[in-house]
Amino acid sequence: MARSVKQQSRHDAEVARFARRYEREGYHVKADIKGYPQPDTIGGYRPDVVAKKGIARKIVEIETMASVDSARDQKQQATFQNAAKRSKATSFIRKVV
């Protein structure tokens, strides 16, 4: 299901909030919004934010009520969780707005 303009705006604002937070904390940030380099895909899915500092890596995915628990969301979530499980230095954060 496609997001409404309002939902997309909320999604993008939350992505930007996470990106700015991690920048303030000294992370190198890639985000899937204008003004940031785009994150690489992980298992065929592009996370909303990837933040790296030293060996630490944060993978962040923001969902809206229109996209949460869809088949794509479930596959994407499992992919990012598995990526985080493969490395103790990687964590996965998922937030629904």
PDB file of N, CA and C in Angstrom:
ATOM      1  N   MET A   1       0.839  -1.183   0.000  1.00  0.00           N
ATOM      2  CA  MET A   1       0.000   0.000   0.000  1.00  0.00           C
ATOM      3  C   MET A   1       0.886   1.248   0.000  1.00  0.00           C
ATOM      4  N   ALA A   2       0.560   2.203  -0.829  1.00  0.00           N
ATOM      5  CA  ALA A   2       1.341   3.433  -0.925  1.00  0.00           C
ATOM      6  C   ALA A   2       1.014   4.365   0.242  1.00  0.00           C
ATOM      7  N   ARG A   3       2.012   5.124   0.646  1.00  0.00           N
ATOM      8  CA  ARG A   3       1.817   6.098   1.719  1.00  0.00           C
ATOM      9  C   ARG A   3       1.147   7.347   1.157  1.00  0.00           C
ATOM     10  N   SER A   4       0.332   7.978   1.994  1.00  0.00           N
ATOM     11  CA  SER A   4      -0.246   9.266   1.621  1.00  0.00           C
ATOM     12  C   SER A   4       0.859  10.318   1.697  1.00  0.00           C
ATOM     13  N   VAL A   5       0.610  11.482   1.154  1.00  0.00           N
ATOM     14  CA  VAL A   5       1.586  12.571   1.202  1.00  0.00           C
ATOM     15  C   VAL A   5       1.902  12.908   2.660  1.00  0.00           C
ATOM     16  N   LYS A   6       0.894  12.941   3.503  1.00  0.00           N
ATOM     17  CA  LYS A   6       1.086  13.245   4.920  1.00  0.00           C
ATOM     18  C   LYS A   6       1.932  12.164   5.599  1.00  0.00           C
ATOM     19  N   GLN A   7       1.646  10.904   5.317  1.00  0.00           N
ATOM     20  CA  GLN A   7       2.417   9.811   5.909  1.00  0.00           C
ATOM     21  C   GLN A   7       3.868   9.844   5.423  1.00  0.00           C
ATOM     22  N   GLN A   8       4.073  10.119   4.144  1.00  0.00           N
ATOM     23  CA  GLN A   8       5.432  10.191   3.609  1.00  0.00           C
ATOM     24  C   GLN A   8       6.198  11.332   4.257  1.00  0.00           C
ATOM     25  N   SER A   9       5.516  12.454   4.471  1.00  0.00           N
ATOM     26  CA  SER A   9       6.141  13.599   5.121  1.00  0.00           C
ATOM     27  C   SER A   9       6.569  13.254   6.545  1.00  0.00           C
ATOM     28  N   ARG A  10       5.703  12.571   7.283  1.00  0.00           N
ATOM     29  CA  ARG A  10       6.038  12.141   8.655  1.00  0.00           C
ATOM     30  C   ARG A  10       7.192  11.153   8.642  1.00  0.00           C
ATOM     31  N   HIS A  11       7.142  10.223   7.714  1.00  0.00           N
ATOM     32  CA  HIS A  11       8.210   9.232   7.562  1.00  0.00           C
ATOM     33  C   HIS A  11       9.548   9.938   7.334  1.00  0.00           C
ATOM     34  N   ASP A  12       9.585  10.834   6.349  1.00  0.00           N
ATOM     35  CA  ASP A  12      10.825  11.519   5.998  1.00  0.00           C
ATOM     36  C   ASP A  12      11.331  12.387   7.145  1.00  0.00           C
ATOM     37  N   ALA A  13      10.429  13.023   7.885  1.00  0.00           N
ATOM     38  CA  ALA A  13      10.827  13.837   9.037  1.00  0.00           C
ATOM     39  C   ALA A  13      11.468  12.971  10.116  1.00  0.00           C
ATOM     40  N   GLU A  14      10.942  11.775  10.324  1.00  0.00           N
ATOM     41  CA  GLU A  14      11.503  10.868  11.320  1.00  0.00           C
ATOM     42  C   GLU A  14      12.859  10.330  10.865  1.00  0.00           C
ATOM     43  N   VAL A  15      12.991  10.040   9.579  1.00  0.00           N
ATOM     44  CA  VAL A  15      14.281   9.612   9.032  1.00  0.00           C
ATOM     45  C   VAL A  15      15.313  10.720   9.273  1.00  0.00           C
ATOM     46  N   ALA A  16      14.941  11.960   8.978  1.00  0.00           N
ATOM     47  CA  ALA A  16      15.846  13.094   9.174  1.00  0.00           C
ATOM     48  C   ALA A  16      16.206  13.252  10.650  1.00  0.00           C
ATOM     49  N   ARG A  17      15.252  13.032  11.538  1.00  0.00           N
ATOM     50  CA  ARG A  17      15.506  13.153  12.976  1.00  0.00           C
ATOM     51  C   ARG A  17      16.564  12.141  13.412  1.00  0.00           C
ATOM     52  N   PHE A  18      16.426  10.891  12.977  1.00  0.00           N
ATOM     53  CA  PHE A  18      17.419   9.867  13.313  1.00  0.00           C
ATOM     54  C   PHE A  18      18.775  10.217  12.711  1.00  0.00           C
ATOM     55  N   ALA A  19      18.783  10.655  11.456  1.00  0.00           N
ATOM     56  CA  ALA A  19      20.042  10.994  10.786  1.00  0.00           C
ATOM     57  C   ALA A  19      20.765  12.111  11.535  1.00  0.00           C
ATOM     58  N   ARG A  20      20.056  13.161  11.903  1.00  0.00           N
ATOM     59  CA  ARG A  20      20.680  14.280  12.629  1.00  0.00           C
ATOM     60  C   ARG A  20      21.176  13.833  14.003  1.00  0.00           C
ATOM     61  N   ARG A  21      20.406  13.007  14.673  1.00  0.00           N
ATOM     62  CA  ARG A  21      20.795  12.505  15.998  1.00  0.00           C
ATOM     63  C   ARG A  21      22.126  11.769  15.917  1.00  0.00           C
ATOM     64  N   TYR A  22      22.234  10.853  14.963  1.00  0.00           N
ATOM     65  CA  TYR A  22      23.467  10.090  14.845  1.00  0.00           C
ATOM     66  C   TYR A  22      24.634  10.965  14.401  1.00  0.00           C
ATOM     67  N   GLU A  23      24.381  11.956  13.558  1.00  0.00           N
ATOM     68  CA  GLU A  23      25.450  12.886  13.184  1.00  0.00           C
ATOM     69  C   GLU A  23      25.974  13.609  14.423  1.00  0.00           C
ATOM     70  N   ARG A  24      25.068  14.087  15.274  1.00  0.00           N
ATOM     71  CA  ARG A  24      25.473  14.771  16.511  1.00  0.00           C
ATOM     72  C   ARG A  24      26.306  13.857  17.406  1.00  0.00           C
ATOM     73  N   GLU A  25      26.041  12.558  17.336  1.00  0.00           N
ATOM     74  CA  GLU A  25      26.767  11.591  18.154  1.00  0.00           C
ATOM     75  C   GLU A  25      28.072  11.136  17.498  1.00  0.00           C
ATOM     76  N   GLY A  26      28.418  11.733  16.353  1.00  0.00           N
ATOM     77  CA  GLY A  26      29.691  11.448  15.711  1.00  0.00           C
ATOM     78  C   GLY A  26      29.683  10.312  14.703  1.00  0.00           C
ATOM     79  N   TYR A  27      28.518   9.841  14.323  1.00  0.00           N
ATOM     80  CA  TYR A  27      28.416   8.770  13.330  1.00  0.00           C
ATOM     81  C   TYR A  27      28.523   9.335  11.924  1.00  0.00           C
ATOM     82  N   HIS A  28      29.011   8.515  10.992  1.00  0.00           N
ATOM     83  CA  HIS A  28      28.958   8.812   9.556  1.00  0.00           C
ATOM     84  C   HIS A  28      27.595   8.284   9.105  1.00  0.00           C
ATOM     85  N   VAL A  29      26.759   9.153   8.559  1.00  0.00           N
ATOM     86  CA  VAL A  29      25.362   8.808   8.297  1.00  0.00           C
ATOM     87  C   VAL A  29      25.049   8.809   6.811  1.00  0.00           C
ATOM     88  N   LYS A  30      24.333   7.769   6.395  1.00  0.00           N
ATOM     89  CA  LYS A  30      23.701   7.710   5.083  1.00  0.00           C
ATOM     90  C   LYS A  30      22.206   7.552   5.347  1.00  0.00           C
ATOM     91  N   ALA A  31      21.401   8.276   4.568  1.00  0.00           N
ATOM     92  CA  ALA A  31      19.955   8.227   4.786  1.00  0.00           C
ATOM     93  C   ALA A  31      19.227   8.288   3.447  1.00  0.00           C
ATOM     94  N   ASP A  32      18.100   7.621   3.393  1.00  0.00           N
ATOM     95  CA  ASP A  32      17.326   7.543   2.153  1.00  0.00           C
ATOM     96  C   ASP A  32      16.367   8.727   2.037  1.00  0.00           C
ATOM     97  N   ILE A  33      16.938   9.932   2.199  1.00  0.00           N
ATOM     98  CA  ILE A  33      16.200  11.184   2.014  1.00  0.00           C
ATOM     99  C   ILE A  33      17.132  12.195   1.360  1.00  0.00           C
ATOM    100  N   LYS A  34      16.548  13.244   0.835  1.00  0.00           N
ATOM    101  CA  LYS A  34      17.316  14.298   0.174  1.00  0.00           C
ATOM    102  C   LYS A  34      18.307  14.918   1.162  1.00  0.00           C
ATOM    103  N   GLY A  35      19.520  15.184   0.659  1.00  0.00           N
ATOM    104  CA  GLY A  35      20.527  15.837   1.467  1.00  0.00           C
ATOM    105  C   GLY A  35      21.538  14.887   2.090  1.00  0.00           C
ATOM    106  N   TYR A  36      21.341  13.605   1.915  1.00  0.00           N
ATOM    107  CA  TYR A  36      22.248  12.599   2.471  1.00  0.00           C
ATOM    108  C   TYR A  36      22.651  11.623   1.373  1.00  0.00           C
ATOM    109  N   PRO A  37      23.858  11.045   1.499  1.00  0.00           N
ATOM    110  CA  PRO A  37      24.188   9.954   0.589  1.00  0.00           C
ATOM    111  C   PRO A  37      23.259   8.774   0.861  1.00  0.00           C
ATOM    112  N   GLN A  38      22.904   8.062  -0.159  1.00  0.00           N
ATOM    113  CA  GLN A  38      21.962   6.948  -0.037  1.00  0.00           C
ATOM    114  C   GLN A  38      22.648   5.710   0.550  1.00  0.00           C
ATOM    115  N   PRO A  39      21.995   5.045   1.517  1.00  0.00           N
ATOM    116  CA  PRO A  39      22.587   3.822   2.066  1.00  0.00           C
ATOM    117  C   PRO A  39      22.638   2.720   1.014  1.00  0.00           C
ATOM    118  N   ASP A  40      23.610   1.838   1.161  1.00  0.00           N
ATOM    119  CA  ASP A  40      23.671   0.655   0.311  1.00  0.00           C
ATOM    120  C   ASP A  40      22.523  -0.275   0.679  1.00  0.00           C
ATOM    121  N   THR A  41      22.143  -1.124  -0.255  1.00  0.00           N
ATOM    122  CA  THR A  41      21.103  -2.098   0.043  1.00  0.00           C
ATOM    123  C   THR A  41      21.672  -3.218   0.908  1.00  0.00           C
ATOM    124  N   ILE A  42      20.789  -3.820   1.665  1.00  0.00           N
ATOM    125  CA  ILE A  42      21.119  -4.977   2.496  1.00  0.00           C
ATOM    126  C   ILE A  42      20.127  -6.060   2.103  1.00  0.00           C
ATOM    127  N   GLY A  43      20.616  -7.119   1.503  1.00  0.00           N
ATOM    128  CA  GLY A  43      19.730  -8.197   1.077  1.00  0.00           C
ATOM    129  C   GLY A  43      18.646  -7.747   0.113  1.00  0.00           C
ATOM    130  N   GLY A  44      18.962  -6.739  -0.700  1.00  0.00           N
ATOM    131  CA  GLY A  44      18.005  -6.246  -1.683  1.00  0.00           C
ATOM    132  C   GLY A  44      17.082  -5.147  -1.182  1.00  0.00           C
ATOM    133  N   TYR A  45      17.218  -4.750   0.086  1.00  0.00           N
ATOM    134  CA  TYR A  45      16.380  -3.690   0.659  1.00  0.00           C
ATOM    135  C   TYR A  45      17.270  -2.533   1.095  1.00  0.00           C
ATOM    136  N   ARG A  46      16.776  -1.308   0.881  1.00  0.00           N
ATOM    137  CA  ARG A  46      17.524  -0.120   1.261  1.00  0.00           C
ATOM    138  C   ARG A  46      16.968   0.404   2.596  1.00  0.00           C
ATOM    139  N   PRO A  47      17.790   0.392   3.654  1.00  0.00           N
ATOM    140  CA  PRO A  47      17.310   0.928   4.935  1.00  0.00           C
ATOM    141  C   PRO A  47      17.157   2.443   4.868  1.00  0.00           C
ATOM    142  N   ASP A  48      16.365   2.984   5.771  1.00  0.00           N
ATOM    143  CA  ASP A  48      16.168   4.435   5.806  1.00  0.00           C
ATOM    144  C   ASP A  48      17.415   5.153   6.292  1.00  0.00           C
ATOM    145  N   VAL A  49      18.104   4.583   7.269  1.00  0.00           N
ATOM    146  CA  VAL A  49      19.330   5.185   7.812  1.00  0.00           C
ATOM    147  C   VAL A  49      20.334   4.078   8.113  1.00  0.00           C
ATOM    148  N   VAL A  50      21.584   4.336   7.763  1.00  0.00           N
ATOM    149  CA  VAL A  50      22.695   3.514   8.225  1.00  0.00           C
ATOM    150  C   VAL A  50      23.712   4.482   8.808  1.00  0.00           C
ATOM    151  N   ALA A  51      24.041   4.280  10.079  1.00  0.00           N
ATOM    152  CA  ALA A  51      25.002   5.140  10.766  1.00  0.00           C
ATOM    153  C   ALA A  51      26.169   4.283  11.238  1.00  0.00           C
ATOM    154  N   LYS A  52      27.391   4.764  10.977  1.00  0.00           N
ATOM    155  CA  LYS A  52      28.595   4.010  11.364  1.00  0.00           C
ATOM    156  C   LYS A  52      29.537   4.907  12.158  1.00  0.00           C
ATOM    157  N   LYS A  53      30.096   4.311  13.207  1.00  0.00           N
ATOM    158  CA  LYS A  53      31.134   4.980  13.998  1.00  0.00           C
ATOM    159  C   LYS A  53      32.064   3.885  14.494  1.00  0.00           C
ATOM    160  N   GLY A  54      33.301   3.920  14.018  1.00  0.00           N
ATOM    161  CA  GLY A  54      34.213   2.827  14.336  1.00  0.00           C
ATOM    162  C   GLY A  54      33.642   1.539  13.765  1.00  0.00           C
ATOM    163  N   ILE A  55      33.551   0.502  14.594  1.00  0.00           N
ATOM    164  CA  ILE A  55      32.967  -0.753  14.121  1.00  0.00           C
ATOM    165  C   ILE A  55      31.453  -0.800  14.363  1.00  0.00           C
ATOM    166  N   ALA A  56      30.933   0.170  15.116  1.00  0.00           N
ATOM    167  CA  ALA A  56      29.494   0.198  15.415  1.00  0.00           C
ATOM    168  C   ALA A  56      28.699   0.602  14.184  1.00  0.00           C
ATOM    169  N   ARG A  57      27.592  -0.092  13.970  1.00  0.00           N
ATOM    170  CA  ARG A  57      26.708   0.230  12.845  1.00  0.00           C
ATOM    171  C   ARG A  57      25.271   0.152  13.319  1.00  0.00           C
ATOM    172  N   LYS A  58      24.478   1.170  12.969  1.00  0.00           N
ATOM    173  CA  LYS A  58      23.048   1.216  13.278  1.00  0.00           C
ATOM    174  C   LYS A  58      22.288   1.163  11.962  1.00  0.00           C
ATOM    175  N   ILE A  59      21.321   0.258  11.897  1.00  0.00           N
ATOM    176  CA  ILE A  59      20.423   0.167  10.748  1.00  0.00           C
ATOM    177  C   ILE A  59      19.056   0.608  11.248  1.00  0.00           C
ATOM    178  N   VAL A  60      18.481   1.617  10.618  1.00  0.00           N
ATOM    179  CA  VAL A  60      17.202   2.158  11.066  1.00  0.00           C
ATOM    180  C   VAL A  60      16.185   2.063   9.939  1.00  0.00           C
ATOM    181  N   GLU A  61      15.004   1.577  10.280  1.00  0.00           N
ATOM    182  CA  GLU A  61      13.898   1.508   9.320  1.00  0.00           C
ATOM    183  C   GLU A  61      12.682   2.150   9.968  1.00  0.00           C
ATOM    184  N   ILE A  62      12.097   3.105   9.263  1.00  0.00           N
ATOM    185  CA  ILE A  62      10.898   3.804   9.718  1.00  0.00           C
ATOM    186  C   ILE A  62       9.722   3.317   8.888  1.00  0.00           C
ATOM    187  N   GLU A  63       8.647   2.969   9.557  1.00  0.00           N
ATOM    188  CA  GLU A  63       7.420   2.547   8.877  1.00  0.00           C
ATOM    189  C   GLU A  63       6.274   3.466   9.274  1.00  0.00           C
ATOM    190  N   THR A  64       5.276   3.526   8.414  1.00  0.00           N
ATOM    191  CA  THR A  64       4.046   4.251   8.716  1.00  0.00           C
ATOM    192  C   THR A  64       2.924   3.228   8.834  1.00  0.00           C
ATOM    193  N   MET A  65       1.768   3.671   9.268  1.00  0.00           N
ATOM    194  CA  MET A  65       0.633   2.758   9.394  1.00  0.00           C
ATOM    195  C   MET A  65       0.255   2.153   8.042  1.00  0.00           C
ATOM    196  N   ALA A  66       0.581   2.848   6.955  1.00  0.00           N
ATOM    197  CA  ALA A  66       0.262   2.327   5.626  1.00  0.00           C
ATOM    198  C   ALA A  66       1.194   1.200   5.209  1.00  0.00           C
ATOM    199  N   SER A  67       2.410   1.184   5.762  1.00  0.00           N
ATOM    200  CA  SER A  67       3.379   0.184   5.321  1.00  0.00           C
ATOM    201  C   SER A  67       3.701  -0.875   6.365  1.00  0.00           C
ATOM    202  N   VAL A  68       3.349  -0.635   7.603  1.00  0.00           N
ATOM    203  CA  VAL A  68       3.722  -1.560   8.672  1.00  0.00           C
ATOM    204  C   VAL A  68       3.021  -2.908   8.490  1.00  0.00           C
ATOM    205  N   ASP A  69       3.774  -3.958   8.721  1.00  0.00           N
ATOM    206  CA  ASP A  69       3.292  -5.335   8.662  1.00  0.00           C
ATOM    207  C   ASP A  69       2.837  -5.805   7.290  1.00  0.00           C
ATOM    208  N   SER A  70       3.180  -5.063   6.256  1.00  0.00           N
ATOM    209  CA  SER A  70       2.921  -5.554   4.897  1.00  0.00           C
ATOM    210  C   SER A  70       3.900  -6.699   4.643  1.00  0.00           C
ATOM    211  N   ALA A  71       3.671  -7.453   3.600  1.00  0.00           N
ATOM    212  CA  ALA A  71       4.583  -8.550   3.262  1.00  0.00           C
ATOM    213  C   ALA A  71       5.989  -8.012   3.031  1.00  0.00           C
ATOM    214  N   ARG A  72       6.094  -6.880   2.340  1.00  0.00           N
ATOM    215  CA  ARG A  72       7.409  -6.281   2.091  1.00  0.00           C
ATOM    216  C   ARG A  72       8.056  -5.866   3.396  1.00  0.00           C
ATOM    217  N   ASP A  73       7.300  -5.240   4.292  1.00  0.00           N
ATOM    218  CA  ASP A  73       7.836  -4.812   5.584  1.00  0.00           C
ATOM    219  C   ASP A  73       8.352  -6.010   6.376  1.00  0.00           C
ATOM    220  N   GLN A  74       7.615  -7.078   6.391  1.00  0.00           N
ATOM    221  CA  GLN A  74       8.026  -8.260   7.152  1.00  0.00           C
ATOM    222  C   GLN A  74       9.329  -8.843   6.600  1.00  0.00           C
ATOM    223  N   LYS A  75       9.442  -8.925   5.273  1.00  0.00           N
ATOM    224  CA  LYS A  75      10.671  -9.451   4.662  1.00  0.00           C
ATOM    225  C   LYS A  75      11.854  -8.522   4.929  1.00  0.00           C
ATOM    226  N   GLN A  76      11.603  -7.228   4.781  1.00  0.00           N
ATOM    227  CA  GLN A  76      12.647  -6.231   5.009  1.00  0.00           C
ATOM    228  C   GLN A  76      13.111  -6.278   6.465  1.00  0.00           C
ATOM    229  N   GLN A  77      12.178  -6.331   7.378  1.00  0.00           N
ATOM    230  CA  GLN A  77      12.498  -6.379   8.802  1.00  0.00           C
ATOM    231  C   GLN A  77      13.345  -7.620   9.118  1.00  0.00           C
ATOM    232  N   ALA A  78      12.960  -8.761   8.598  1.00  0.00           N
ATOM    233  CA  ALA A  78      13.713  -9.995   8.831  1.00  0.00           C
ATOM    234  C   ALA A  78      15.127  -9.879   8.264  1.00  0.00           C
ATOM    235  N   THR A  79      15.260  -9.278   7.088  1.00  0.00           N
ATOM    236  CA  THR A  79      16.571  -9.100   6.463  1.00  0.00           C
ATOM    237  C   THR A  79      17.474  -8.222   7.321  1.00  0.00           C
ATOM    238  N   PHE A  80      16.944  -7.099   7.809  1.00  0.00           N
ATOM    239  CA  PHE A  80      17.744  -6.188   8.629  1.00  0.00           C
ATOM    240  C   PHE A  80      18.068  -6.811   9.992  1.00  0.00           C
ATOM    241  N   GLN A  81      17.133  -7.539  10.561  1.00  0.00           N
ATOM    242  CA  GLN A  81      17.389  -8.222  11.833  1.00  0.00           C
ATOM    243  C   GLN A  81      18.498  -9.259  11.665  1.00  0.00           C
ATOM    244  N   ASN A  82      18.462  -9.997  10.580  1.00  0.00           N
ATOM    245  CA  ASN A  82      19.501 -10.998  10.316  1.00  0.00           C
ATOM    246  C   ASN A  82      20.864 -10.338  10.118  1.00  0.00           C
ATOM    247  N   ALA A  83      20.895  -9.198   9.446  1.00  0.00           N
ATOM    248  CA  ALA A  83      22.153  -8.469   9.262  1.00  0.00           C
ATOM    249  C   ALA A  83      22.714  -8.051  10.619  1.00  0.00           C
ATOM    250  N   ALA A  84      21.842  -7.613  11.514  1.00  0.00           N
ATOM    251  CA  ALA A  84      22.277  -7.193  12.845  1.00  0.00           C
ATOM    252  C   ALA A  84      22.758  -8.387  13.671  1.00  0.00           C
ATOM    253  N   LYS A  85      22.118  -9.526  13.509  1.00  0.00           N
ATOM    254  CA  LYS A  85      22.510 -10.725  14.269  1.00  0.00           C
ATOM    255  C   LYS A  85      23.878 -11.249  13.852  1.00  0.00           C
ATOM    256  N   ARG A  86      24.274 -10.988  12.609  1.00  0.00           N
ATOM    257  CA  ARG A  86      25.562 -11.485  12.106  1.00  0.00           C
ATOM    258  C   ARG A  86      26.753 -10.736  12.691  1.00  0.00           C
ATOM    259  N   SER A  87      26.513  -9.579  13.297  1.00  0.00           N
ATOM    260  CA  SER A  87      27.605  -8.779  13.850  1.00  0.00           C
ATOM    261  C   SER A  87      27.174  -8.167  15.182  1.00  0.00           C
ATOM    262  N   LYS A  88      27.956  -8.425  16.216  1.00  0.00           N
ATOM    263  CA  LYS A  88      27.643  -7.853  17.535  1.00  0.00           C
ATOM    264  C   LYS A  88      27.739  -6.336  17.527  1.00  0.00           C
ATOM    265  N   ALA A  89      28.440  -5.776  16.555  1.00  0.00           N
ATOM    266  CA  ALA A  89      28.608  -4.324  16.472  1.00  0.00           C
ATOM    267  C   ALA A  89      27.464  -3.648  15.721  1.00  0.00           C
ATOM    268  N   THR A  90      26.512  -4.438  15.201  1.00  0.00           N
ATOM    269  CA  THR A  90      25.403  -3.890  14.424  1.00  0.00           C
ATOM    270  C   THR A  90      24.099  -4.025  15.203  1.00  0.00           C
ATOM    271  N   SER A  91      23.307  -2.953  15.194  1.00  0.00           N
ATOM    272  CA  SER A  91      21.983  -3.021  15.798  1.00  0.00           C
ATOM    273  C   SER A  91      20.943  -2.554  14.781  1.00  0.00           C
ATOM    274  N   PHE A  92      19.738  -3.065  14.956  1.00  0.00           N
ATOM    275  CA  PHE A  92      18.620  -2.720  14.074  1.00  0.00           C
ATOM    276  C   PHE A  92      17.551  -2.050  14.906  1.00  0.00           C
ATOM    277  N   ILE A  93      17.108  -0.894  14.430  1.00  0.00           N
ATOM    278  CA  ILE A  93      16.049  -0.130  15.096  1.00  0.00           C
ATOM    279  C   ILE A  93      14.918   0.043  14.106  1.00  0.00           C
ATOM    280  N   ARG A  94      13.720  -0.275  14.528  1.00  0.00           N
ATOM    281  CA  ARG A  94      12.530  -0.103  13.695  1.00  0.00           C
ATOM    282  C   ARG A  94      11.538   0.746  14.454  1.00  0.00           C
ATOM    283  N   LYS A  95      11.018   1.766  13.807  1.00  0.00           N
ATOM    284  CA  LYS A  95      10.054   2.651  14.460  1.00  0.00           C
ATOM    285  C   LYS A  95       8.868   2.869  13.537  1.00  0.00           C
ATOM    286  N   VAL A  96       7.683   2.820  14.128  1.00  0.00           N
ATOM    287  CA  VAL A  96       6.453   3.081  13.392  1.00  0.00           C
ATOM    288  C   VAL A  96       5.967   4.481  13.785  1.00  0.00           C
ATOM    289  N   VAL A  97       5.713   5.314  12.767  1.00  0.00           N
ATOM    290  CA  VAL A  97       5.210   6.674  13.016  1.00  0.00           C
ATOM    291  C   VAL A  97       3.811   6.819  12.457  1.00  0.00           C
TER     292      VAL A  97
END
